[in-house]
PDB file of N, CA and C in Angstrom:
ATOM      1  N   VAL A   1    -171.271  97.274  35.094  1.00  0.00           N
ATOM      2  CA  VAL A   1    -172.236  97.502  33.894  1.00  0.00           C
ATOM      3  C   VAL A   1    -173.623  98.857  34.920  1.00  0.00           C
ATOM      4  N   GLY A   2    -173.163  98.478  36.318  1.00  0.00           N
ATOM      5  CA  GLY A   2    -174.536  99.053  37.531  1.00  0.00           C
ATOM      6  C   GLY A   2    -173.516 100.678  37.368  1.00  0.00           C
ATOM      7  N   ILE A   3    -172.471 100.879  37.370  1.00  0.00           N
ATOM      8  CA  ILE A   3    -172.164 102.009  37.083  1.00  0.00           C
ATOM      9  C   ILE A   3    -172.745 102.816  36.151  1.00  0.00           C
ATOM     10  N   GLY A   4    -172.592 102.387  35.172  1.00  0.00           N
ATOM     11  CA  GLY A   4    -172.447 103.142  33.850  1.00  0.00           C
ATOM     12  C   GLY A   4    -174.023 103.196  33.234  1.00  0.00           C
ATOM     13  N   PHE A   5    -174.691 102.523  34.146  1.00  0.00           N
ATOM     14  CA  PHE A   5    -176.824 102.302  34.201  1.00  0.00           C
ATOM     15  C   PHE A   5    -176.986 103.672  35.394  1.00  0.00           C
ATOM     16  N   THR A   6    -175.480 103.737  36.071  1.00  0.00           N
ATOM     17  CA  THR A   6    -175.999 105.226  37.114  1.00  0.00           C
ATOM     18  C   THR A   6    -175.273 106.286  36.266  1.00  0.00           C
ATOM     19  N   ALA A   7    -174.552 106.500  35.647  1.00  0.00           N
ATOM     20  CA  ALA A   7    -174.021 107.174  35.308  1.00  0.00           C
ATOM     21  C   ALA A   7    -175.082 107.772  33.785  1.00  0.00           C
ATOM     22  N   LEU A   8    -175.293 107.152  33.305  1.00  0.00           N
ATOM     23  CA  LEU A   8    -176.520 107.467  32.384  1.00  0.00           C
ATOM     24  C   LEU A   8    -178.162 108.106  33.189  1.00  0.00           C
ATOM     25  N   VAL A   9    -178.614 107.170  33.694  1.00  0.00           N
ATOM     26  CA  VAL A   9    -179.248 108.235  34.385  1.00  0.00           C
ATOM     27  C   VAL A   9    -179.267 109.162  35.182  1.00  0.00           C
ATOM     28  N   LEU A  10    -178.249 109.570  35.697  1.00  0.00           N
ATOM     29  CA  LEU A  10    -177.693 110.883  36.520  1.00  0.00           C
ATOM     30  C   LEU A  10    -177.599 111.740  35.319  1.00  0.00           C
ATOM     31  N   ALA A  11    -176.933 111.291  34.354  1.00  0.00           N
ATOM     32  CA  ALA A  11    -177.183 112.674  32.835  1.00  0.00           C
ATOM     33  C   ALA A  11    -178.148 113.276  32.230  1.00  0.00           C
ATOM     34  N   SER A  12    -179.273 112.277  32.041  1.00  0.00           N
ATOM     35  CA  SER A  12    -180.296 112.148  31.568  1.00  0.00           C
ATOM     36  C   SER A  12    -181.410 113.030  32.648  1.00  0.00           C
ATOM     37  N   LEU A  13    -180.894 113.156  33.696  1.00  0.00           N
ATOM     38  CA  LEU A  13    -181.698 114.008  35.218  1.00  0.00           C
ATOM     39  C   LEU A  13    -181.370 115.530  34.915  1.00  0.00           C
ATOM     40  N   ARG A  14    -180.127 115.455  34.554  1.00  0.00           N
ATOM     41  CA  ARG A  14    -179.250 116.631  34.492  1.00  0.00           C
ATOM     42  C   ARG A  14    -179.950 117.431  33.120  1.00  0.00           C
ATOM     43  N   VAL A  15    -179.768 117.087  32.175  1.00  0.00           N
ATOM     44  CA  VAL A  15    -180.183 117.245  30.533  1.00  0.00           C
ATOM     45  C   VAL A  15    -182.185 118.109  31.636  1.00  0.00           C
ATOM     46  N   ARG A  16    -182.699 116.890  31.105  1.00  0.00           N
ATOM     47  CA  ARG A  16    -184.489 117.109  31.056  1.00  0.00           C
ATOM     48  C   ARG A  16    -184.741 116.853  32.572  1.00  0.00           C
ATOM     49  N   GLY A  17    -184.300 116.896  33.988  1.00  0.00           N
ATOM     50  CA  GLY A  17    -184.648 116.441  35.031  1.00  0.00           C
ATOM     51  C   GLY A  17    -185.511 117.716  35.559  1.00  0.00           C
ATOM     52  N   ASP A  18    -185.747 118.779  35.022  1.00  0.00           N
ATOM     53  CA  ASP A  18    -186.120 119.788  35.955  1.00  0.00           C
ATOM     54  C   ASP A  18    -187.224 119.930  35.193  1.00  0.00           C
ATOM     55  N   ASP A  19    -187.608 119.551  33.933  1.00  0.00           N
ATOM     56  CA  ASP A  19    -188.519 119.456  33.109  1.00  0.00           C
ATOM     57  C   ASP A  19    -189.447 118.697  33.287  1.00  0.00           C
ATOM     58  N   ARG A  20    -189.294 117.632  33.548  1.00  0.00           N
ATOM     59  CA  ARG A  20    -189.664 116.522  33.806  1.00  0.00           C
ATOM     60  C   ARG A  20    -190.972 117.065  35.206  1.00  0.00           C
ATOM     61  N   ILE A  21    -189.740 117.162  36.312  1.00  0.00           N
ATOM     62  CA  ILE A  21    -190.534 117.253  37.728  1.00  0.00           C
ATOM     63  C   ILE A  21    -191.078 118.291  37.444  1.00  0.00           C
ATOM     64  N   LEU A  22    -191.449 119.477  36.978  1.00  0.00           N
ATOM     65  CA  LEU A  22    -192.136 120.743  36.856  1.00  0.00           C
ATOM     66  C   LEU A  22    -193.383 120.208  35.986  1.00  0.00           C
ATOM     67  N   GLN A  23    -193.311 119.209  34.773  1.00  0.00           N
ATOM     68  CA  GLN A  23    -194.313 119.084  34.009  1.00  0.00           C
ATOM     69  C   GLN A  23    -195.912 118.245  34.795  1.00  0.00           C
ATOM     70  N   ARG A  24    -194.876 116.993  35.730  1.00  0.00           N
ATOM     71  CA  ARG A  24    -195.700 116.308  36.782  1.00  0.00           C
ATOM     72  C   ARG A  24    -196.386 117.105  37.470  1.00  0.00           C
ATOM     73  N   LEU A  25    -195.474 118.170  37.873  1.00  0.00           N
ATOM     74  CA  LEU A  25    -196.606 118.904  38.982  1.00  0.00           C
ATOM     75  C   LEU A  25    -197.382 119.931  38.850  1.00  0.00           C
ATOM     76  N   ALA A  26    -197.799 119.918  37.020  1.00  0.00           N
ATOM     77  CA  ALA A  26    -198.618 120.652  36.517  1.00  0.00           C
ATOM     78  C   ALA A  26    -198.167 122.436  36.097  1.00  0.00           C
ATOM     79  N   ALA A  27    -196.726 122.705  36.959  1.00  0.00           N
ATOM     80  CA  ALA A  27    -196.191 124.102  37.591  1.00  0.00           C
ATOM     81  C   ALA A  27    -196.186 124.738  36.043  1.00  0.00           C
ATOM     82  N   ARG A  28    -196.775 125.828  36.405  1.00  0.00           N
ATOM     83  CA  ARG A  28    -196.512 126.837  35.275  1.00  0.00           C
ATOM     84  C   ARG A  28    -195.511 128.299  35.584  1.00  0.00           C
ATOM     85  N   PRO A  29    -195.059 128.933  35.112  1.00  0.00           N
ATOM     86  CA  PRO A  29    -194.308 130.122  35.783  1.00  0.00           C
ATOM     87  C   PRO A  29    -195.463 130.910  35.961  1.00  0.00           C
ATOM     88  N   LEU A  30    -194.574 131.928  36.686  1.00  0.00           N
ATOM     89  CA  LEU A  30    -194.844 132.454  37.441  1.00  0.00           C
ATOM     90  C   LEU A  30    -194.261 134.733  37.198  1.00  0.00           C
ATOM     91  N   PRO A  31    -195.194 135.111  36.419  1.00  0.00           N
ATOM     92  CA  PRO A  31    -194.351 135.987  35.872  1.00  0.00           C
ATOM     93  C   PRO A  31    -194.415 137.301  37.373  1.00  0.00           C
ATOM     94  N   PRO A  32    -193.139 137.885  36.854  1.00  0.00           N
ATOM     95  CA  PRO A  32    -192.938 138.959  37.971  1.00  0.00           C
ATOM     96  C   PRO A  32    -194.642 139.767  38.324  1.00  0.00           C
ATOM     97  N   ALA A  33    -195.373 140.287  37.141  1.00  0.00           N
ATOM     98  CA  ALA A  33    -196.251 141.080  37.861  1.00  0.00           C
ATOM     99  C   ALA A  33    -197.816 140.457  38.640  1.00  0.00           C
ATOM    100  N   GLU A  34    -197.153 139.223  38.045  1.00  0.00           N
ATOM    101  CA  GLU A  34    -198.411 138.266  39.015  1.00  0.00           C
ATOM    102  C   GLU A  34    -197.953 138.285  40.520  1.00  0.00           C
ATOM    103  N   ALA A  35    -196.829 138.258  41.240  1.00  0.00           N
ATOM    104  CA  ALA A  35    -196.048 137.863  42.696  1.00  0.00           C
ATOM    105  C   ALA A  35    -194.767 138.968  42.762  1.00  0.00           C
ATOM    106  N   PRO A  36    -195.203 140.501  42.257  1.00  0.00           N
ATOM    107  CA  PRO A  36    -193.850 140.859  42.727  1.00  0.00           C
ATOM    108  C   PRO A  36    -193.257 140.815  43.616  1.00  0.00           C
ATOM    109  N   PHE A  37    -193.710 140.957  45.301  1.00  0.00           N
ATOM    110  CA  PHE A  37    -193.080 140.578  46.348  1.00  0.00           C
ATOM    111  C   PHE A  37    -192.006 139.088  46.131  1.00  0.00           C
ATOM    112  N   LEU A  38    -192.874 138.346  46.053  1.00  0.00           N
ATOM    113  CA  LEU A  38    -192.064 136.875  46.027  1.00  0.00           C
ATOM    114  C   LEU A  38    -190.885 137.059  44.799  1.00  0.00           C
ATOM    115  N   HIS A  39    -190.884 137.495  44.189  1.00  0.00           N
ATOM    116  CA  HIS A  39    -189.703 138.162  42.911  1.00  0.00           C
ATOM    117  C   HIS A  39    -188.464 138.850  43.528  1.00  0.00           C
ATOM    118  N   ALA A  40    -189.238 139.757  44.469  1.00  0.00           N
ATOM    119  CA  ALA A  40    -188.044 140.614  45.163  1.00  0.00           C
ATOM    120  C   ALA A  40    -187.207 139.765  46.056  1.00  0.00           C
ATOM    121  N   ALA A  41    -187.867 139.049  46.788  1.00  0.00           N
ATOM    122  CA  ALA A  41    -187.501 138.553  47.693  1.00  0.00           C
ATOM    123  C   ALA A  41    -186.869 137.119  47.697  1.00  0.00           C
ATOM    124  N   ALA A  42    -186.750 136.644  46.045  1.00  0.00           N
ATOM    125  CA  ALA A  42    -186.221 135.226  45.694  1.00  0.00           C
ATOM    126  C   ALA A  42    -185.019 136.682  45.095  1.00  0.00           C
ATOM    127  N   GLU A  43    -184.819 137.867  44.550  1.00  0.00           N
ATOM    128  CA  GLU A  43    -183.393 138.310  44.297  1.00  0.00           C
ATOM    129  C   GLU A  43    -182.590 138.586  45.218  1.00  0.00           C
ATOM    130  N   GLU A  44    -183.662 138.819  46.463  1.00  0.00           N
ATOM    131  CA  GLU A  44    -182.404 139.553  47.541  1.00  0.00           C
ATOM    132  C   GLU A  44    -181.872 138.365  47.875  1.00  0.00           C
ATOM    133  N   TYR A  45    -182.496 137.161  48.349  1.00  0.00           N
ATOM    134  CA  TYR A  45    -181.536 136.077  48.419  1.00  0.00           C
ATOM    135  C   TYR A  45    -181.145 135.875  48.134  1.00  0.00           C
ATOM    136  N   ALA A  46    -180.910 135.814  46.921  1.00  0.00           N
ATOM    137  CA  ALA A  46    -179.830 135.449  45.769  1.00  0.00           C
ATOM    138  C   ALA A  46    -178.706 136.557  45.524  1.00  0.00           C
ATOM    139  N   ARG A  47    -179.018 137.565  45.738  1.00  0.00           N
ATOM    140  CA  ARG A  47    -178.102 138.565  45.954  1.00  0.00           C
ATOM    141  C   ARG A  47    -177.209 138.010  47.324  1.00  0.00           C
ATOM    142  N   ARG A  48    -177.884 138.208  48.240  1.00  0.00           N
ATOM    143  CA  ARG A  48    -177.328 137.668  49.780  1.00  0.00           C
ATOM    144  C   ARG A  48    -176.435 136.330  49.750  1.00  0.00           C
ATOM    145  N   LEU A  49    -176.789 135.293  48.491  1.00  0.00           N
ATOM    146  CA  LEU A  49    -176.368 134.283  48.882  1.00  0.00           C
ATOM    147  C   LEU A  49    -175.350 134.375  47.679  1.00  0.00           C
ATOM    148  N   GLY A  50    -175.051 135.065  46.339  1.00  0.00           N
ATOM    149  CA  GLY A  50    -174.400 135.408  45.914  1.00  0.00           C
ATOM    150  C   GLY A  50    -174.457 134.096  44.835  1.00  0.00           C
ATOM    151  N   SER A  51    -175.584 133.719  45.009  1.00  0.00           N
ATOM    152  CA  SER A  51    -175.966 132.548  43.938  1.00  0.00           C
ATOM    153  C   SER A  51    -177.357 133.288  42.397  1.00  0.00           C
ATOM    154  N   PRO A  52    -177.458 132.287  41.861  1.00  0.00           N
ATOM    155  CA  PRO A  52    -178.128 133.182  40.735  1.00  0.00           C
ATOM    156  C   PRO A  52    -179.499 133.390  41.097  1.00  0.00           C
ATOM    157  N   LYS A  53    -180.754 133.543  40.619  1.00  0.00           N
ATOM    158  CA  LYS A  53    -181.732 133.703  41.269  1.00  0.00           C
ATOM    159  C   LYS A  53    -182.775 132.638  40.369  1.00  0.00           C
ATOM    160  N   ALA A  54    -183.787 132.130  41.770  1.00  0.00           N
ATOM    161  CA  ALA A  54    -184.303 130.906  41.328  1.00  0.00           C
ATOM    162  C   ALA A  54    -185.381 131.501  39.875  1.00  0.00           C
ATOM    163  N   GLN A  55    -186.130 130.846  39.815  1.00  0.00           N
ATOM    164  CA  GLN A  55    -186.963 130.784  38.553  1.00  0.00           C
ATOM    165  C   GLN A  55    -188.040 130.232  39.458  1.00  0.00           C
ATOM    166  N   LEU A  56    -189.521 130.902  39.505  1.00  0.00           N
ATOM    167  CA  LEU A  56    -190.438 130.738  40.283  1.00  0.00           C
ATOM    168  C   LEU A  56    -191.521 129.993  39.861  1.00  0.00           C
ATOM    169  N   TYR A  57    -192.290 128.967  39.605  1.00  0.00           N
ATOM    170  CA  TYR A  57    -193.104 128.408  39.443  1.00  0.00           C
ATOM    171  C   TYR A  57    -194.530 128.387  40.485  1.00  0.00           C
ATOM    172  N   VAL A  58    -195.465 127.822  39.778  1.00  0.00           N
ATOM    173  CA  VAL A  58    -197.029 127.622  40.347  1.00  0.00           C
ATOM    174  C   VAL A  58    -197.358 126.539  40.591  1.00  0.00           C
ATOM    175  N   ILE A  59    -197.447 125.849  41.234  1.00  0.00           N
ATOM    176  CA  ILE A  59    -198.280 124.461  41.087  1.00  0.00           C
ATOM    177  C   ILE A  59    -200.275 124.662  41.523  1.00  0.00           C
ATOM    178  N   PRO A  60    -200.468 124.170  40.630  1.00  0.00           N
ATOM    179  CA  PRO A  60    -202.078 124.161  41.068  1.00  0.00           C
ATOM    180  C   PRO A  60    -202.504 123.468  41.937  1.00  0.00           C
ATOM    181  N   SER A  61    -202.458 123.703  43.192  1.00  0.00           N
ATOM    182  CA  SER A  61    -202.979 123.328  44.331  1.00  0.00           C
ATOM    183  C   SER A  61    -203.846 123.577  45.558  1.00  0.00           C
ATOM    184  N   PRO A  62    -204.478 123.293  45.903  1.00  0.00           N
ATOM    185  CA  PRO A  62    -205.243 124.289  46.921  1.00  0.00           C
ATOM    186  C   PRO A  62    -204.359 124.609  48.280  1.00  0.00           C
ATOM    187  N   SER A  63    -203.328 123.296  48.703  1.00  0.00           N
ATOM    188  CA  SER A  63    -202.769 123.017  49.764  1.00  0.00           C
ATOM    189  C   SER A  63    -201.793 124.557  49.655  1.00  0.00           C
ATOM    190  N   ILE A  64    -200.793 124.666  50.585  1.00  0.00           N
ATOM    191  CA  ILE A  64    -200.048 125.250  51.372  1.00  0.00           C
ATOM    192  C   ILE A  64    -198.643 124.609  50.826  1.00  0.00           C
ATOM    193  N   ASN A  65    -197.854 124.557  50.351  1.00  0.00           N
ATOM    194  CA  ASN A  65    -196.667 123.592  49.981  1.00  0.00           C
ATOM    195  C   ASN A  65    -195.879 124.594  49.201  1.00  0.00           C
ATOM    196  N   LEU A  66    -194.690 124.316  48.726  1.00  0.00           N
ATOM    197  CA  LEU A  66    -193.463 124.928  48.644  1.00  0.00           C
ATOM    198  C   LEU A  66    -192.122 123.650  47.978  1.00  0.00           C
ATOM    199  N   ALA A  67    -191.882 123.895  46.678  1.00  0.00           N
ATOM    200  CA  ALA A  67    -190.711 122.519  46.309  1.00  0.00           C
ATOM    201  C   ALA A  67    -189.619 123.770  45.951  1.00  0.00           C
ATOM    202  N   ALA A  68    -187.922 123.111  46.337  1.00  0.00           N
ATOM    203  CA  ALA A  68    -187.009 123.651  45.872  1.00  0.00           C
ATOM    204  C   ALA A  68    -186.127 122.545  45.000  1.00  0.00           C
ATOM    205  N   PHE A  69    -185.719 122.980  43.750  1.00  0.00           N
ATOM    206  CA  PHE A  69    -184.732 121.361  43.139  1.00  0.00           C
ATOM    207  C   PHE A  69    -183.979 122.278  41.910  1.00  0.00           C
ATOM    208  N   GLY A  70    -183.440 121.413  41.458  1.00  0.00           N
ATOM    209  CA  GLY A  70    -182.505 121.963  40.319  1.00  0.00           C
ATOM    210  C   GLY A  70    -181.208 121.093  39.922  1.00  0.00           C
ATOM    211  N   PHE A  71    -181.337 120.763  39.001  1.00  0.00           N
ATOM    212  CA  PHE A  71    -179.766 119.574  38.752  1.00  0.00           C
ATOM    213  C   PHE A  71    -178.699 120.692  38.263  1.00  0.00           C
ATOM    214  N   ARG A  72    -178.799 121.750  38.048  1.00  0.00           N
ATOM    215  CA  ARG A  72    -177.425 122.727  37.546  1.00  0.00           C
ATOM    216  C   ARG A  72    -177.206 123.889  38.527  1.00  0.00           C
ATOM    217  N   ARG A  73    -176.315 124.131  38.798  1.00  0.00           N
ATOM    218  CA  ARG A  73    -176.245 125.200  40.013  1.00  0.00           C
ATOM    219  C   ARG A  73    -176.535 126.281  39.572  1.00  0.00           C
ATOM    220  N   ASP A  74    -176.901 127.012  37.986  1.00  0.00           N
ATOM    221  CA  ASP A  74    -177.008 127.990  37.608  1.00  0.00           C
ATOM    222  C   ASP A  74    -178.487 127.965  37.435  1.00  0.00           C
ATOM    223  N   GLU A  75    -179.554 127.416  37.450  1.00  0.00           N
ATOM    224  CA  GLU A  75    -180.796 127.276  37.260  1.00  0.00           C
ATOM    225  C   GLU A  75    -181.774 126.375  38.359  1.00  0.00           C
ATOM    226  N   PRO A  76    -181.002 127.317  39.513  1.00  0.00           N
ATOM    227  CA  PRO A  76    -182.267 126.702  40.799  1.00  0.00           C
ATOM    228  C   PRO A  76    -183.785 126.938  40.447  1.00  0.00           C
ATOM    229  N   ILE A  77    -184.673 126.333  40.677  1.00  0.00           N
ATOM    230  CA  ILE A  77    -186.274 126.576  40.703  1.00  0.00           C
ATOM    231  C   ILE A  77    -186.780 126.666  41.867  1.00  0.00           C
ATOM    232  N   VAL A  78    -187.758 127.458  42.031  1.00  0.00           N
ATOM    233  CA  VAL A  78    -188.682 127.222  43.429  1.00  0.00           C
ATOM    234  C   VAL A  78    -189.925 127.108  43.046  1.00  0.00           C
ATOM    235  N   ALA A  79    -190.817 125.813  43.046  1.00  0.00           N
ATOM    236  CA  ALA A  79    -191.950 126.004  42.868  1.00  0.00           C
ATOM    237  C   ALA A  79    -193.031 126.068  44.379  1.00  0.00           C
ATOM    238  N   ILE A  80    -194.409 127.289  43.722  1.00  0.00           N
ATOM    239  CA  ILE A  80    -195.208 127.264  45.237  1.00  0.00           C
ATOM    240  C   ILE A  80    -196.357 126.972  44.835  1.00  0.00           C
ATOM    241  N   THR A  81    -197.433 126.330  45.848  1.00  0.00           N
ATOM    242  CA  THR A  81    -198.603 126.458  45.607  1.00  0.00           C
ATOM    243  C   THR A  81    -199.638 127.751  45.570  1.00  0.00           C
ATOM    244  N   GLU A  82    -200.966 127.065  44.883  1.00  0.00           N
ATOM    245  CA  GLU A  82    -201.244 128.439  44.664  1.00  0.00           C
ATOM    246  C   GLU A  82    -202.227 129.053  45.837  1.00  0.00           C
TER     247      GLU A  82
END
């Protein structure tokens, strides 16, 4: 029963985990026109690592912080504070 419940929780995280985290952080997508340097840096890092470019989001907060997560290998997410 425990293994089945764990598998169910992990499957639900894979499907909607990213959206839930972004919603809890009140993050919004960061358009390239708003931060071209960050998008260029993300593209360069992705090129060097041979991985997909991370989707960039902004968290409304005056503190300095960064979050990197993703439950799917092909859709990494980076969220930075304002």
